[in-house]
C-alpha atoms as a PDB file:
ATOM      1  CA  MET A   1       5.924   5.840   3.250  1.00  0.00           C
ATOM      2  CA  VAL A   2       3.345   6.560   5.902  1.00  0.00           C
ATOM      3  CA  ALA A   3       0.500   4.503   7.292  1.00  0.00           C
ATOM      4  CA  GLU A   4      -3.097   5.514   6.849  1.00  0.00           C
ATOM      5  CA  GLY A   5      -4.263   7.086  10.076  1.00  0.00           C
ATOM      6  CA  ALA A   6      -0.830   8.341  11.112  1.00  0.00           C
ATOM      7  CA  GLY A   7      -0.516  11.949  12.261  1.00  0.00           C
ATOM      8  CA  GLN A   8      -4.231  12.568  12.694  1.00  0.00           C
ATOM      9  CA  HIS A   9      -3.404  14.942  15.568  1.00  0.00           C
ATOM     10  CA  LEU A  10      -1.761  17.234  12.976  1.00  0.00           C
ATOM     11  CA  LEU A  11      -4.868  17.458  10.788  1.00  0.00           C
ATOM     12  CA  PRO A  12      -8.322  19.007  11.193  1.00  0.00           C
ATOM     13  CA  ALA A  13     -10.741  16.604  12.912  1.00  0.00           C
ATOM     14  CA  THR A  14     -13.496  15.041  10.818  1.00  0.00           C
ATOM     15  CA  GLU A  15     -16.547  12.962  11.729  1.00  0.00           C
ATOM     16  CA  THR A  16     -17.459  11.868   8.192  1.00  0.00           C
ATOM     17  CA  THR A  17     -17.691   8.189   7.263  1.00  0.00           C
ATOM     18  CA  ASP A  18     -17.510   6.174   4.050  1.00  0.00           C
ATOM     19  CA  LYS A  19     -20.317   3.958   2.710  1.00  0.00           C
ATOM     20  CA  SER A  20     -19.184   1.137   5.000  1.00  0.00           C
ATOM     21  CA  GLY A  21     -19.392   3.336   8.087  1.00  0.00           C
ATOM     22  CA  ASN A  22     -15.613   3.631   8.516  1.00  0.00           C
ATOM     23  CA  LYS A  23     -14.389   7.017   9.708  1.00  0.00           C
ATOM     24  CA  ILE A  24     -12.740   8.945   6.864  1.00  0.00           C
ATOM     25  CA  LEU A  25      -9.325   9.925   8.105  1.00  0.00           C
ATOM     26  CA  GLY A  26      -7.447  13.100   7.295  1.00  0.00           C
ATOM     27  CA  ASP A  27      -4.944  12.916   4.425  1.00  0.00           C
ATOM     28  CA  ILE A  28      -1.551  12.763   6.123  1.00  0.00           C
ATOM     29  CA  GLY A  29       0.126  12.123   2.771  1.00  0.00           C
ATOM     30  CA  SER A  30      -0.914  15.482   1.307  1.00  0.00           C
ATOM     31  CA  PHE A  31       0.017  17.189   4.557  1.00  0.00           C
ATOM     32  CA  LEU A  32       3.504  15.664   4.510  1.00  0.00           C
ATOM     33  CA  LYS A  33       3.979  16.421   0.814  1.00  0.00           C
ATOM     34  CA  LYS A  34       3.220  20.088   1.479  1.00  0.00           C
ATOM     35  CA  LYS A  35       5.537  20.235   4.519  1.00  0.00           C
ATOM     36  CA  ILE A  36       8.397  18.499   2.698  1.00  0.00           C
ATOM     37  CA  LYS A  37       8.121  20.917  -0.241  1.00  0.00           C
ATOM     38  CA  GLU A  38       8.094  23.878   2.165  1.00  0.00           C
ATOM     39  CA  TYR A  39      11.172  22.539   3.964  1.00  0.00           C
ATOM     40  CA  PHE A  40      13.204  22.182   0.775  1.00  0.00           C
ATOM     41  CA  LYS A  41      11.943  25.471  -0.663  1.00  0.00           C
ATOM     42  CA  ASP A  42      13.303  27.260   2.420  1.00  0.00           C
ATOM     43  CA  LYS A  43      16.678  25.656   1.648  1.00  0.00           C
ATOM     44  CA  ASP A  44      16.433  26.573  -2.063  1.00  0.00           C
ATOM     45  CA  ILE A  45      16.476  22.879  -3.082  1.00  0.00           C
ATOM     46  CA  ALA A  46      14.100  21.459  -5.717  1.00  0.00           C
ATOM     47  CA  PRO A  47      13.323  17.888  -4.588  1.00  0.00           C
ATOM     48  CA  THR A  48      11.883  15.142  -6.748  1.00  0.00           C
ATOM     49  CA  LEU A  49       8.884  14.093  -4.716  1.00  0.00           C
ATOM     50  CA  LYS A  50       6.427  11.340  -5.674  1.00  0.00           C
ATOM     51  CA  TYR A  51       3.151  11.004  -3.830  1.00  0.00           C
ATOM     52  CA  ILE A  52       0.817   8.053  -4.406  1.00  0.00           C
ATOM     53  CA  ASP A  53      -2.311   7.593  -2.330  1.00  0.00           C
ATOM     54  CA  PRO A  54      -3.777   4.100  -2.676  1.00  0.00           C
ATOM     55  CA  SER A  55      -6.386   5.107  -0.089  1.00  0.00           C
ATOM     56  CA  TYR A  56      -9.304   2.691   0.027  1.00  0.00           C
ATOM     57  CA  MET A  57      -8.256   0.832  -3.145  1.00  0.00           C
ATOM     58  CA  VAL A  58      -6.398  -1.807  -1.139  1.00  0.00           C
ATOM     59  CA  ARG A  59      -8.575  -2.048   1.954  1.00  0.00           C
ATOM     60  CA  SER A  60     -10.380  -5.270   2.677  1.00  0.00           C
ATOM     61  CA  VAL A  61     -10.049  -6.280   6.335  1.00  0.00           C
ATOM     62  CA  PRO A  62      -7.908  -4.997   9.200  1.00  0.00           C
ATOM     63  CA  ALA A  63      -4.316  -6.193   8.926  1.00  0.00           C
ATOM     64  CA  ALA A  64      -3.246  -9.047  11.187  1.00  0.00           C
ATOM     65  CA  ALA A  65      -0.046  -8.685  13.218  1.00  0.00           C
ATOM     66  CA  ASN A  66       2.029 -10.721  10.752  1.00  0.00           C
ATOM     67  CA  ASP A  67       0.734  -8.549   7.862  1.00  0.00           C
ATOM     68  CA  LYS A  68       1.848  -5.417   9.702  1.00  0.00           C
ATOM     69  CA  VAL A  69       5.319  -6.831  10.358  1.00  0.00           C
ATOM     70  CA  TYR A  70       5.688  -8.105   6.781  1.00  0.00           C
ATOM     71  CA  CYS A  71       4.631  -4.782   5.284  1.00  0.00           C
ATOM     72  CA  GLY A  72       6.952  -2.959   7.657  1.00  0.00           C
ATOM     73  CA  PHE A  73       9.895  -4.977   6.364  1.00  0.00           C
ATOM     74  CA  LEU A  74       8.841  -4.444   2.738  1.00  0.00           C
ATOM     75  CA  GLY A  75       8.707  -0.711   3.354  1.00  0.00           C
ATOM     76  CA  GLN A  76      12.052  -0.686   5.158  1.00  0.00           C
ATOM     77  CA  TYR A  77      13.797  -2.537   2.344  1.00  0.00           C
ATOM     78  CA  ALA A  78      12.118  -0.335  -0.281  1.00  0.00           C
ATOM     79  CA  VAL A  79      13.405   2.797   1.465  1.00  0.00           C
ATOM     80  CA  HIS A  80      16.900   1.289   1.715  1.00  0.00           C
ATOM     81  CA  ALA A  81      16.828   0.553  -2.024  1.00  0.00           C
ATOM     82  CA  ALA A  82      15.662   4.083  -2.826  1.00  0.00           C
ATOM     83  CA  MET A  83      18.303   5.666  -0.590  1.00  0.00           C
ATOM     84  CA  ALA A  84      20.935   3.560  -2.358  1.00  0.00           C
ATOM     85  CA  GLY A  85      19.738   4.971  -5.691  1.00  0.00           C
ATOM     86  CA  LYS A  86      18.202   1.732  -6.923  1.00  0.00           C
ATOM     87  CA  THR A  87      15.236   1.898  -9.295  1.00  0.00           C
ATOM     88  CA  GLY A  88      13.254  -0.496 -11.481  1.00  0.00           C
ATOM     89  CA  LEU A  89      12.763  -3.106  -8.780  1.00  0.00           C
ATOM     90  CA  VAL A  90      10.356  -4.486  -6.217  1.00  0.00           C
ATOM     91  CA  VAL A  91      11.075  -5.858  -2.775  1.00  0.00           C
ATOM     92  CA  ALA A  92      10.120  -9.492  -2.267  1.00  0.00           C
ATOM     93  CA  GLN A  93      10.588 -12.172   0.356  1.00  0.00           C
ATOM     94  CA  ILE A  94      12.123 -15.362  -0.975  1.00  0.00           C
ATOM     95  CA  GLN A  95      13.021 -18.231   1.357  1.00  0.00           C
ATOM     96  CA  SER A  96      12.866 -15.964   4.436  1.00  0.00           C
ATOM     97  CA  ARG A  97      15.164 -13.329   2.861  1.00  0.00           C
ATOM     98  CA  TYR A  98      14.166  -9.922   1.550  1.00  0.00           C
ATOM     99  CA  VAL A  99      15.559  -9.267  -1.913  1.00  0.00           C
ATOM    100  CA  HIS A 100      15.437  -6.584  -4.600  1.00  0.00           C
ATOM    101  CA  MET A 101      13.903  -8.115  -7.723  1.00  0.00           C
ATOM    102  CA  PRO A 102      14.227  -6.349 -11.102  1.00  0.00           C
ATOM    103  CA  LEU A 103      10.877  -5.451 -12.672  1.00  0.00           C
ATOM    104  CA  GLU A 104      11.861  -7.321 -15.830  1.00  0.00           C
ATOM    105  CA  LEU A 105      12.056 -10.532 -13.824  1.00  0.00           C
ATOM    106  CA  VAL A 106       8.806  -9.912 -11.948  1.00  0.00           C
ATOM    107  CA  THR A 107       6.887  -9.206 -15.163  1.00  0.00           C
ATOM    108  CA  TRP A 108       8.582 -11.894 -17.275  1.00  0.00           C
ATOM    109  CA  GLU A 109       5.338 -13.763 -17.811  1.00  0.00           C
ATOM    110  CA  ARG A 110       1.718 -13.123 -16.975  1.00  0.00           C
ATOM    111  CA  ARG A 111       0.323 -15.162 -14.103  1.00  0.00           C
ATOM    112  CA  ARG A 112      -3.377 -15.853 -13.834  1.00  0.00           C
ATOM    113  CA  LEU A 113      -5.447 -16.519 -10.761  1.00  0.00           C
ATOM    114  CA  ASN A 114      -7.860 -19.429 -10.857  1.00  0.00           C
ATOM    115  CA  ILE A 115     -11.087 -17.867  -9.555  1.00  0.00           C
ATOM    116  CA  ALA A 116     -12.569 -21.357  -9.128  1.00  0.00           C
ATOM    117  CA  SER A 117      -9.805 -22.343  -6.670  1.00  0.00           C
ATOM    118  CA  ASP A 118     -10.140 -22.917  -2.936  1.00  0.00           C
ATOM    119  CA  LEU A 119      -7.581 -20.154  -2.351  1.00  0.00           C
ATOM    120  CA  TRP A 120      -9.674 -17.552  -4.168  1.00  0.00           C
ATOM    121  CA  ARG A 121     -12.847 -18.680  -2.378  1.00  0.00           C
ATOM    122  CA  ALA A 122     -11.030 -18.313   0.952  1.00  0.00           C
ATOM    123  CA  VAL A 123      -9.884 -14.801   0.007  1.00  0.00           C
ATOM    124  CA  LEU A 124     -13.439 -13.787  -0.880  1.00  0.00           C
ATOM    125  CA  GLU A 125     -14.856 -15.242   2.314  1.00  0.00           C
ATOM    126  CA  SER A 126     -12.215 -13.715   4.578  1.00  0.00           C
ATOM    127  CA  THR A 127     -12.636 -10.260   3.024  1.00  0.00           C
ATOM    128  CA  GLY A 128     -16.431 -10.385   2.841  1.00  0.00           C
ATOM    129  CA  GLN A 129     -16.463  -9.897  -0.936  1.00  0.00           C
ATOM    130  CA  CYS A 130     -18.296 -13.092  -1.946  1.00  0.00           C
ATOM    131  CA  HIS A 131     -21.328 -11.140  -3.119  1.00  0.00           C
ATOM    132  CA  LEU A 132     -19.496  -8.829  -5.532  1.00  0.00           C
ATOM    133  CA  LYS A 133     -20.238  -9.334  -9.230  1.00  0.00           C
ATOM    134  CA  GLY A 134     -17.385 -10.905 -11.194  1.00  0.00           C
ATOM    135  CA  MET A 135     -15.525 -12.164  -8.133  1.00  0.00           C
ATOM    136  CA  GLN A 136     -16.752 -15.732  -8.565  1.00  0.00           C
ATOM    137  CA  PRO A 137     -16.927 -17.916 -11.681  1.00  0.00           C
ATOM    138  CA  ALA A 138     -20.217 -17.928 -13.594  1.00  0.00           C
ATOM    139  CA  LYS A 139     -22.441 -20.883 -12.746  1.00  0.00           C
END
């Protein structure tokens, strides 16, 4: 797992921006994938390597300090699970403890978000997405 923006000094510089005016960063994930494959190829080992780039799909606002810490712990526990050979689970925080939850338990029943709720309105306002079609209930 690697953070967006990490290792930019290893990549060609770019001055391009997205539609929101944010600088488009170099793809450290692809760079690392290539380097990892090269490393194992030199050792005559065929690794199983998965690369997923969520890119801008999950971006809304800059992460607050507590978000960064929380995500750091989620990542740490996910890596520990993977290194222990565990699969078919997600990392979750329950009552201040990080746990490995089986996917069957997490997907047991479908949960729905009430888009007329105060919580959803607060999410839209804090992320600046109030104007997007389909994000608010029809009037």
